[in-house]
All heavy atoms as atom14 arrays in JSON, in Angstrom:
{
  "sequence": "AKNTVYLQMNSLKPDDTAVYYCNAVLLWQNFWGQGTQVTVSS",
  "atom14_mask": [
    [1, 1, 1, 1, 1, 0, 0, 0, 0, 0, 0, 0, 0, 0],
    [1, 1, 1, 1, 1, 1, 1, 1, 1, 0, 0, 0, 0, 0],
    [1, 1, 1, 1, 1, 1, 1, 1, 0, 0, 0, 0, 0, 0],
    [1, 1, 1, 1, 1, 1, 1, 0, 0, 0, 0, 0, 0, 0],
    [1, 1, 1, 1, 1, 1, 1, 0, 0, 0, 0, 0, 0, 0],
    [1, 1, 1, 1, 1, 1, 1, 1, 1, 1, 1, 1, 0, 0],
    [1, 1, 1, 1, 1, 1, 1, 1, 0, 0, 0, 0, 0, 0],
    [1, 1, 1, 1, 1, 1, 1, 1, 1, 0, 0, 0, 0, 0],
    [1, 1, 1, 1, 1, 1, 1, 1, 0, 0, 0, 0, 0, 0],
    [1, 1, 1, 1, 1, 1, 1, 1, 0, 0, 0, 0, 0, 0],
    [1, 1, 1, 1, 1, 1, 0, 0, 0, 0, 0, 0, 0, 0],
    [1, 1, 1, 1, 1, 1, 1, 1, 0, 0, 0, 0, 0, 0],
    [1, 1, 1, 1, 1, 1, 1, 1, 1, 0, 0, 0, 0, 0],
    [1, 1, 1, 1, 1, 1, 1, 0, 0, 0, 0, 0, 0, 0],
    [1, 1, 1, 1, 1, 1, 1, 1, 0, 0, 0, 0, 0, 0],
    [1, 1, 1, 1, 1, 1, 1, 1, 0, 0, 0, 0, 0, 0],
    [1, 1, 1, 1, 1, 1, 1, 0, 0, 0, 0, 0, 0, 0],
    [1, 1, 1, 1, 1, 0, 0, 0, 0, 0, 0, 0, 0, 0],
    [1, 1, 1, 1, 1, 1, 1, 0, 0, 0, 0, 0, 0, 0],
    [1, 1, 1, 1, 1, 1, 1, 1, 1, 1, 1, 1, 0, 0],
    [1, 1, 1, 1, 1, 1, 1, 1, 1, 1, 1, 1, 0, 0],
    [1, 1, 1, 1, 1, 1, 0, 0, 0, 0, 0, 0, 0, 0],
    [1, 1, 1, 1, 1, 1, 1, 1, 0, 0, 0, 0, 0, 0],
    [1, 1, 1, 1, 1, 0, 0, 0, 0, 0, 0, 0, 0, 0],
    [1, 1, 1, 1, 1, 1, 1, 0, 0, 0, 0, 0, 0, 0],
    [1, 1, 1, 1, 1, 1, 1, 1, 0, 0, 0, 0, 0, 0],
    [1, 1, 1, 1, 1, 1, 1, 1, 0, 0, 0, 0, 0, 0],
    [1, 1, 1, 1, 1, 1, 1, 1, 1, 1, 1, 1, 1, 1],
    [1, 1, 1, 1, 1, 1, 1, 1, 1, 0, 0, 0, 0, 0],
    [1, 1, 1, 1, 1, 1, 1, 1, 0, 0, 0, 0, 0, 0],
    [1, 1, 1, 1, 1, 1, 1, 1, 1, 1, 1, 0, 0, 0],
    [1, 1, 1, 1, 1, 1, 1, 1, 1, 1, 1, 1, 1, 1],
    [1, 1, 1, 1, 0, 0, 0, 0, 0, 0, 0, 0, 0, 0],
    [1, 1, 1, 1, 1, 1, 1, 1, 1, 0, 0, 0, 0, 0],
    [1, 1, 1, 1, 0, 0, 0, 0, 0, 0, 0, 0, 0, 0],
    [1, 1, 1, 1, 1, 1, 1, 0, 0, 0, 0, 0, 0, 0],
    [1, 1, 1, 1, 1, 1, 1, 1, 1, 0, 0, 0, 0, 0],
    [1, 1, 1, 1, 1, 1, 1, 0, 0, 0, 0, 0, 0, 0],
    [1, 1, 1, 1, 1, 1, 1, 0, 0, 0, 0, 0, 0, 0],
    [1, 1, 1, 1, 1, 1, 1, 0, 0, 0, 0, 0, 0, 0],
    [1, 1, 1, 1, 1, 1, 0, 0, 0, 0, 0, 0, 0, 0],
    [1, 1, 1, 1, 1, 1, 0, 0, 0, 0, 0, 0, 0, 0]
  ],
  "atom14_positions": [
    [[0.81, -1.21, 0.0], [0.0, 0.0, 0.0], [0.85, 1.27, 0.0], [0.44, 2.32, -0.52], [-0.94, 0.0, 1.21], [0.0, 0.0, 0.0], [0.0, 0.0, 0.0], [0.0, 0.0, 0.0], [0.0, 0.0, 0.0], [0.0, 0.0, 0.0], [0.0, 0.0, 0.0], [0.0, 0.0, 0.0], [0.0, 0.0, 0.0], [0.0, 0.0, 0.0]],
    [[2.04, 1.17, 0.59], [2.94, 2.33, 0.66], [4.06, 2.24, -0.37], [4.96, 3.1, -0.38], [3.55, 2.43, 2.06], [2.54, 2.72, 3.15], [3.21, 2.88, 4.5], [2.18, 3.22, 5.58], [2.82, 3.36, 6.91], [0.0, 0.0, 0.0], [0.0, 0.0, 0.0], [0.0, 0.0, 0.0], [0.0, 0.0, 0.0], [0.0, 0.0, 0.0]],
    [[4.03, 1.21, -1.23], [5.09, 1.02, -2.24], [6.47, 1.05, -1.59], [7.41, 1.64, -2.14], [5.0, 2.09, -3.33], [3.74, 1.95, -4.15], [3.25, 0.84, -4.38], [3.19, 3.06, -4.58], [0.0, 0.0, 0.0], [0.0, 0.0, 0.0], [0.0, 0.0, 0.0], [0.0, 0.0, 0.0], [0.0, 0.0, 0.0], [0.0, 0.0, 0.0]],
    [[6.58, 0.39, -0.46], [7.8, 0.47, 0.33], [8.27, -0.92, 0.75], [7.45, -1.77, 1.12], [7.56, 1.33, 1.59], [7.14, 2.64, 1.19], [8.84, 1.46, 2.42], [0.0, 0.0, 0.0], [0.0, 0.0, 0.0], [0.0, 0.0, 0.0], [0.0, 0.0, 0.0], [0.0, 0.0, 0.0], [0.0, 0.0, 0.0], [0.0, 0.0, 0.0]],
    [[9.57, -1.09, 0.68], [10.21, -2.3, 1.2], [11.14, -1.85, 2.32], [11.85, -0.85, 2.2], [11.0, -3.03, 0.11], [11.83, -4.17, 0.7], [10.04, -3.58, -0.94], [0.0, 0.0, 0.0], [0.0, 0.0, 0.0], [0.0, 0.0, 0.0], [0.0, 0.0, 0.0], [0.0, 0.0, 0.0], [0.0, 0.0, 0.0], [0.0, 0.0, 0.0]],
    [[11.12, -2.61, 3.4], [11.91, -2.27, 4.58], [13.02, -3.29, 4.82], [12.91, -4.45, 4.42], [11.02, -2.23, 5.83], [9.88, -1.27, 5.73], [8.59, -1.71, 5.41], [10.06, 0.09, 5.98], [7.52, -0.83, 5.33], [9.0, 0.98, 5.89], [7.74, 0.51, 5.56], [6.7, 1.4, 5.49], [0.0, 0.0, 0.0], [0.0, 0.0, 0.0]],
    [[14.06, -2.84, 5.48], [15.08, -3.74, 5.98], [15.3, -3.39, 7.45], [15.89, -2.36, 7.76], [16.39, -3.62, 5.2], [17.46, -4.63, 5.59], [17.03, -6.06, 5.22], [18.8, -4.3, 4.94], [0.0, 0.0, 0.0], [0.0, 0.0, 0.0], [0.0, 0.0, 0.0], [0.0, 0.0, 0.0], [0.0, 0.0, 0.0], [0.0, 0.0, 0.0]],
    [[14.77, -4.24, 8.32], [14.97, -4.06, 9.75], [16.28, -4.72, 10.13], [16.46, -5.92, 9.89], [13.82, -4.68, 10.55], [13.98, -4.59, 12.05], [13.91, -3.17, 12.57], [13.04, -2.4, 12.15], [14.8, -2.81, 13.49], [0.0, 0.0, 0.0], [0.0, 0.0, 0.0], [0.0, 0.0, 0.0], [0.0, 0.0, 0.0], [0.0, 0.0, 0.0]],
    [[17.18, -3.96, 10.7], [18.51, -4.46, 11.04], [18.71, -4.37, 12.54], [18.7, -3.27, 13.11], [19.58, -3.64, 10.31], [19.37, -3.58, 8.81], [20.73, -2.76, 7.93], [20.62, -1.12, 8.6], [0.0, 0.0, 0.0], [0.0, 0.0, 0.0], [0.0, 0.0, 0.0], [0.0, 0.0, 0.0], [0.0, 0.0, 0.0], [0.0, 0.0, 0.0]],
    [[18.86, -5.52, 13.17], [19.07, -5.6, 14.61], [20.45, -6.17, 14.92], [21.08, -6.77, 14.05], [17.99, -6.48, 15.25], [16.59, -5.93, 15.06], [16.37, -4.72, 15.01], [15.62, -6.83, 14.95], [0.0, 0.0, 0.0], [0.0, 0.0, 0.0], [0.0, 0.0, 0.0], [0.0, 0.0, 0.0], [0.0, 0.0, 0.0], [0.0, 0.0, 0.0]],
    [[20.87, -6.0, 16.14], [22.16, -6.54, 16.6], [23.27, -6.17, 15.62], [24.08, -7.0, 15.2], [22.08, -8.06, 16.75], [21.08, -8.43, 17.66], [0.0, 0.0, 0.0], [0.0, 0.0, 0.0], [0.0, 0.0, 0.0], [0.0, 0.0, 0.0], [0.0, 0.0, 0.0], [0.0, 0.0, 0.0], [0.0, 0.0, 0.0], [0.0, 0.0, 0.0]],
    [[23.31, -4.92, 15.25], [24.27, -4.47, 14.24], [25.7, -4.61, 14.73], [26.01, -4.44, 15.92], [23.97, -3.03, 13.85], [22.78, -2.86, 12.91], [22.28, -1.43, 12.91], [23.15, -3.3, 11.5], [0.0, 0.0, 0.0], [0.0, 0.0, 0.0], [0.0, 0.0, 0.0], [0.0, 0.0, 0.0], [0.0, 0.0, 0.0], [0.0, 0.0, 0.0]],
    [[26.57, -4.91, 13.78], [27.99, -5.1, 14.04], [28.79, -4.1, 13.2], [28.31, -3.65, 12.15], [28.4, -6.52, 13.65], [27.6, -7.62, 14.28], [28.0, -8.98, 13.71], [27.19, -10.1, 14.31], [27.57, -11.42, 13.74], [0.0, 0.0, 0.0], [0.0, 0.0, 0.0], [0.0, 0.0, 0.0], [0.0, 0.0, 0.0], [0.0, 0.0, 0.0]],
    [[30.01, -3.8, 13.61], [30.84, -2.91, 12.78], [31.0, -3.42, 11.35], [31.09, -2.6, 10.42], [32.18, -2.9, 13.53], [31.79, -3.11, 14.96], [30.63, -4.07, 14.92], [0.0, 0.0, 0.0], [0.0, 0.0, 0.0], [0.0, 0.0, 0.0], [0.0, 0.0, 0.0], [0.0, 0.0, 0.0], [0.0, 0.0, 0.0], [0.0, 0.0, 0.0]],
    [[31.0, -4.73, 11.16], [31.12, -5.3, 9.81], [29.9, -5.0, 8.94], [29.95, -5.22, 7.72], [31.31, -6.82, 9.88], [32.73, -7.21, 10.27], [33.6, -6.31, 10.31], [32.97, -8.39, 10.56], [0.0, 0.0, 0.0], [0.0, 0.0, 0.0], [0.0, 0.0, 0.0], [0.0, 0.0, 0.0], [0.0, 0.0, 0.0], [0.0, 0.0, 0.0]],
    [[28.82, -4.53, 9.52], [27.64, -4.16, 8.74], [27.77, -2.76, 8.14], [26.91, -2.34, 7.36], [26.39, -4.21, 9.62], [26.06, -5.6, 10.1], [26.18, -6.56, 9.3], [25.69, -5.75, 11.29], [0.0, 0.0, 0.0], [0.0, 0.0, 0.0], [0.0, 0.0, 0.0], [0.0, 0.0, 0.0], [0.0, 0.0, 0.0], [0.0, 0.0, 0.0]],
    [[28.82, -2.07, 8.48], [29.04, -0.73, 7.94], [29.2, -0.79, 6.43], [30.03, -1.53, 5.9], [30.29, -0.09, 8.56], [30.05, 0.1, 9.97], [30.62, 1.25, 7.92], [0.0, 0.0, 0.0], [0.0, 0.0, 0.0], [0.0, 0.0, 0.0], [0.0, 0.0, 0.0], [0.0, 0.0, 0.0], [0.0, 0.0, 0.0], [0.0, 0.0, 0.0]],
    [[28.38, -0.01, 5.72], [28.38, -0.03, 4.26], [27.35, 0.97, 3.75], [26.55, 1.5, 4.53], [28.03, -1.43, 3.74], [0.0, 0.0, 0.0], [0.0, 0.0, 0.0], [0.0, 0.0, 0.0], [0.0, 0.0, 0.0], [0.0, 0.0, 0.0], [0.0, 0.0, 0.0], [0.0, 0.0, 0.0], [0.0, 0.0, 0.0], [0.0, 0.0, 0.0]],
    [[27.38, 1.18, 2.45], [26.28, 1.86, 1.79], [25.28, 0.79, 1.37], [25.66, -0.2, 0.73], [26.75, 2.67, 0.57], [25.55, 3.33, -0.11], [27.77, 3.72, 0.98], [0.0, 0.0, 0.0], [0.0, 0.0, 0.0], [0.0, 0.0, 0.0], [0.0, 0.0, 0.0], [0.0, 0.0, 0.0], [0.0, 0.0, 0.0], [0.0, 0.0, 0.0]],
    [[24.04, 0.98, 1.74], [22.98, 0.01, 1.44], [22.15, 0.52, 0.27], [21.69, 1.67, 0.27], [22.12, -0.22, 2.67], [22.79, -1.08, 3.71], [23.87, -0.62, 4.45], [22.37, -2.4, 3.93], [24.51, -1.42, 5.38], [23.0, -3.21, 4.87], [24.07, -2.71, 5.58], [24.71, -3.51, 6.5], [0.0, 0.0, 0.0], [0.0, 0.0, 0.0]],
    [[21.95, -0.37, -0.7], [21.23, -0.02, -1.91], [19.98, -0.89, -2.06], [20.01, -2.09, -1.8], [22.1, -0.24, -3.14], [23.33, 0.63, -3.21], [24.54, 0.19, -2.68], [23.29, 1.89, -3.82], [25.68, 0.97, -2.76], [24.43, 2.67, -3.9], [25.61, 2.21, -3.37], [26.74, 3.0, -3.44], [0.0, 0.0, 0.0], [0.0, 0.0, 0.0]],
    [[18.94, -0.27, -2.54], [17.71, -0.97, -2.89], [17.75, -1.28, -4.38], [18.16, -0.43, -5.19], [16.52, -0.08, -2.54], [14.92, -0.79, -2.91], [0.0, 0.0, 0.0], [0.0, 0.0, 0.0], [0.0, 0.0, 0.0], [0.0, 0.0, 0.0], [0.0, 0.0, 0.0], [0.0, 0.0, 0.0], [0.0, 0.0, 0.0], [0.0, 0.0, 0.0]],
    [[17.31, -2.47, -4.75], [17.3, -2.91, -6.14], [15.95, -3.54, -6.44], [15.49, -4.39, -5.67], [18.43, -3.9, -6.37], [18.29, -4.68, -7.65], [17.87, -5.83, -7.65], [18.64, -4.05, -8.76], [0.0, 0.0, 0.0], [0.0, 0.0, 0.0], [0.0, 0.0, 0.0], [0.0, 0.0, 0.0], [0.0, 0.0, 0.0], [0.0, 0.0, 0.0]],
    [[15.33, -3.14, -7.53], [14.05, -3.73, -7.93], [14.21, -4.41, -9.29], [14.82, -3.83, -10.2], [12.97, -2.66, -8.0], [0.0, 0.0, 0.0], [0.0, 0.0, 0.0], [0.0, 0.0, 0.0], [0.0, 0.0, 0.0], [0.0, 0.0, 0.0], [0.0, 0.0, 0.0], [0.0, 0.0, 0.0], [0.0, 0.0, 0.0], [0.0, 0.0, 0.0]],
    [[13.69, -5.61, -9.38], [13.77, -6.39, -10.61], [12.39, -6.45, -11.24], [11.41, -6.85, -10.58], [14.26, -7.82, -10.31], [14.33, -8.62, -11.6], [15.62, -7.78, -9.62], [0.0, 0.0, 0.0], [0.0, 0.0, 0.0], [0.0, 0.0, 0.0], [0.0, 0.0, 0.0], [0.0, 0.0, 0.0], [0.0, 0.0, 0.0], [0.0, 0.0, 0.0]],
    [[12.32, -6.02, -12.48], [11.07, -6.06, -13.24], [11.37, -6.7, -14.58], [11.98, -6.06, -15.45], [10.52, -4.65, -13.41], [9.21, -4.53, -14.2], [8.1, -5.32, -13.51], [8.8, -3.07, -14.35], [0.0, 0.0, 0.0], [0.0, 0.0, 0.0], [0.0, 0.0, 0.0], [0.0, 0.0, 0.0], [0.0, 0.0, 0.0], [0.0, 0.0, 0.0]],
    [[11.0, -7.96, -14.7], [11.32, -8.76, -15.9], [12.83, -8.72, -16.11], [13.57, -9.19, -15.29], [10.54, -8.23, -17.09], [9.0, -8.3, -16.94], [8.32, -7.71, -18.16], [8.55, -9.72, -16.7], [0.0, 0.0, 0.0], [0.0, 0.0, 0.0], [0.0, 0.0, 0.0], [0.0, 0.0, 0.0], [0.0, 0.0, 0.0], [0.0, 0.0, 0.0]],
    [[13.29, -8.16, -17.21], [14.72, -8.14, -17.51], [15.41, -6.87, -17.02], [16.59, -6.67, -17.21], [14.93, -8.26, -19.02], [14.37, -7.11, -19.78], [15.02, -5.96, -20.13], [13.03, -6.98, -20.26], [14.17, -5.13, -20.8], [12.94, -5.71, -20.91], [11.9, -7.78, -20.24], [11.77, -5.27, -21.5], [10.74, -7.33, -20.83], [10.67, -6.09, -21.45]],
    [[14.67, -6.0, -16.36], [15.22, -4.7, -15.96], [15.58, -4.67, -14.47], [14.9, -5.28, -13.64], [14.21, -3.6, -16.25], [13.82, -3.47, -17.7], [12.78, -2.4, -17.91], [13.1, -1.24, -18.13], [11.52, -2.79, -17.8], [0.0, 0.0, 0.0], [0.0, 0.0, 0.0], [0.0, 0.0, 0.0], [0.0, 0.0, 0.0], [0.0, 0.0, 0.0]],
    [[16.64, -3.93, -14.19], [17.06, -3.71, -12.82], [17.06, -2.21, -12.55], [17.58, -1.43, -13.35], [18.47, -4.26, -12.58], [18.45, -5.71, -12.18], [18.29, -6.04, -11.01], [18.56, -6.58, -13.15], [0.0, 0.0, 0.0], [0.0, 0.0, 0.0], [0.0, 0.0, 0.0], [0.0, 0.0, 0.0], [0.0, 0.0, 0.0], [0.0, 0.0, 0.0]],
    [[16.52, -1.83, -11.4], [16.5, -0.42, -11.01], [17.19, -0.29, -9.65], [17.04, -1.17, -8.79], [15.07, 0.09, -10.92], [14.3, -0.05, -12.2], [13.5, -1.15, -12.44], [14.41, 0.92, -13.2], [12.79, -1.29, -13.63], [13.71, 0.79, -14.39], [12.91, -0.31, -14.61], [0.0, 0.0, 0.0], [0.0, 0.0, 0.0], [0.0, 0.0, 0.0]],
    [[17.91, 0.81, -9.49], [18.69, 1.02, -8.27], [18.36, 2.36, -7.63], [18.11, 3.35, -8.32], [20.18, 1.0, -8.6], [20.68, -0.34, -9.03], [20.76, -0.82, -10.3], [21.2, -1.38, -8.19], [21.28, -2.09, -10.31], [21.57, -2.45, -9.02], [21.41, -1.51, -6.81], [22.1, -3.64, -8.53], [21.95, -2.68, -6.32], [22.28, -3.72, -7.17]],
    [[18.43, 2.38, -6.32], [18.37, 3.64, -5.6], [19.75, 4.24, -5.46], [20.74, 3.68, -5.94], [0.0, 0.0, 0.0], [0.0, 0.0, 0.0], [0.0, 0.0, 0.0], [0.0, 0.0, 0.0], [0.0, 0.0, 0.0], [0.0, 0.0, 0.0], [0.0, 0.0, 0.0], [0.0, 0.0, 0.0], [0.0, 0.0, 0.0], [0.0, 0.0, 0.0]],
    [[19.82, 5.38, -4.8], [21.08, 6.1, -4.67], [21.91, 5.61, -3.49], [23.1, 5.94, -3.39], [20.82, 7.61, -4.52], [20.44, 8.07, -3.12], [19.04, 7.66, -2.69], [18.26, 7.13, -3.49], [18.71, 7.9, -1.43], [0.0, 0.0, 0.0], [0.0, 0.0, 0.0], [0.0, 0.0, 0.0], [0.0, 0.0, 0.0], [0.0, 0.0, 0.0]],
    [[21.32, 4.84, -2.61], [22.04, 4.29, -1.47], [21.89, 5.13, -0.22], [21.63, 6.33, -0.27], [0.0, 0.0, 0.0], [0.0, 0.0, 0.0], [0.0, 0.0, 0.0], [0.0, 0.0, 0.0], [0.0, 0.0, 0.0], [0.0, 0.0, 0.0], [0.0, 0.0, 0.0], [0.0, 0.0, 0.0], [0.0, 0.0, 0.0], [0.0, 0.0, 0.0]],
    [[22.05, 4.45, 0.91], [22.02, 5.14, 2.2], [23.14, 4.56, 3.07], [23.34, 3.35, 3.12], [20.64, 5.0, 2.89], [20.62, 5.77, 4.09], [20.28, 3.56, 3.21], [0.0, 0.0, 0.0], [0.0, 0.0, 0.0], [0.0, 0.0, 0.0], [0.0, 0.0, 0.0], [0.0, 0.0, 0.0], [0.0, 0.0, 0.0], [0.0, 0.0, 0.0]],
    [[23.88, 5.43, 3.73], [25.04, 5.02, 4.5], [24.63, 4.51, 5.87], [23.87, 5.17, 6.59], [26.01, 6.18, 4.67], [27.22, 5.89, 5.54], [28.2, 4.94, 4.89], [28.57, 5.12, 3.72], [28.65, 3.94, 5.64], [0.0, 0.0, 0.0], [0.0, 0.0, 0.0], [0.0, 0.0, 0.0], [0.0, 0.0, 0.0], [0.0, 0.0, 0.0]],
    [[25.16, 3.35, 6.22], [25.0, 2.79, 7.57], [26.39, 2.65, 8.16], [27.26, 2.02, 7.56], [24.29, 1.43, 7.53], [24.34, 0.77, 8.9], [22.86, 1.59, 7.05], [0.0, 0.0, 0.0], [0.0, 0.0, 0.0], [0.0, 0.0, 0.0], [0.0, 0.0, 0.0], [0.0, 0.0, 0.0], [0.0, 0.0, 0.0], [0.0, 0.0, 0.0]],
    [[26.58, 3.25, 9.31], [27.86, 3.17, 10.0], [27.62, 2.65, 11.41], [26.82, 3.2, 12.16], [28.54, 4.54, 10.07], [28.71, 5.05, 8.75], [29.91, 4.43, 10.73], [0.0, 0.0, 0.0], [0.0, 0.0, 0.0], [0.0, 0.0, 0.0], [0.0, 0.0, 0.0], [0.0, 0.0, 0.0], [0.0, 0.0, 0.0], [0.0, 0.0, 0.0]],
    [[28.32, 1.55, 11.74], [28.17, 0.93, 13.05], [29.49, 1.1, 13.8], [30.53, 0.6, 13.35], [27.8, -0.54, 12.94], [27.56, -1.15, 14.32], [26.58, -0.72, 12.06], [0.0, 0.0, 0.0], [0.0, 0.0, 0.0], [0.0, 0.0, 0.0], [0.0, 0.0, 0.0], [0.0, 0.0, 0.0], [0.0, 0.0, 0.0], [0.0, 0.0, 0.0]],
    [[29.44, 1.79, 14.91], [30.66, 2.02, 15.69], [30.82, 0.93, 16.76], [29.84, 0.4, 17.28], [30.61, 3.39, 16.36], [29.53, 3.45, 17.26], [0.0, 0.0, 0.0], [0.0, 0.0, 0.0], [0.0, 0.0, 0.0], [0.0, 0.0, 0.0], [0.0, 0.0, 0.0], [0.0, 0.0, 0.0], [0.0, 0.0, 0.0], [0.0, 0.0, 0.0]],
    [[32.07, 0.63, 17.06], [32.34, -0.42, 18.06], [32.41, 0.13, 19.47], [32.4, 1.33, 19.67], [33.65, -1.14, 17.71], [34.69, -0.2, 17.65], [0.0, 0.0, 0.0], [0.0, 0.0, 0.0], [0.0, 0.0, 0.0], [0.0, 0.0, 0.0], [0.0, 0.0, 0.0], [0.0, 0.0, 0.0], [0.0, 0.0, 0.0], [0.0, 0.0, 0.0]]
  ]
}
């Protein structure tokens, strides 16, 4: 209903630090978002 996909991330670790990208597959096409930075400090 909200055209939204979520990623709930728990128990985060420093190794999870990265830019996270959303990707949608429609038949033979791939679409990408611009990314969002996740930084996990120790």
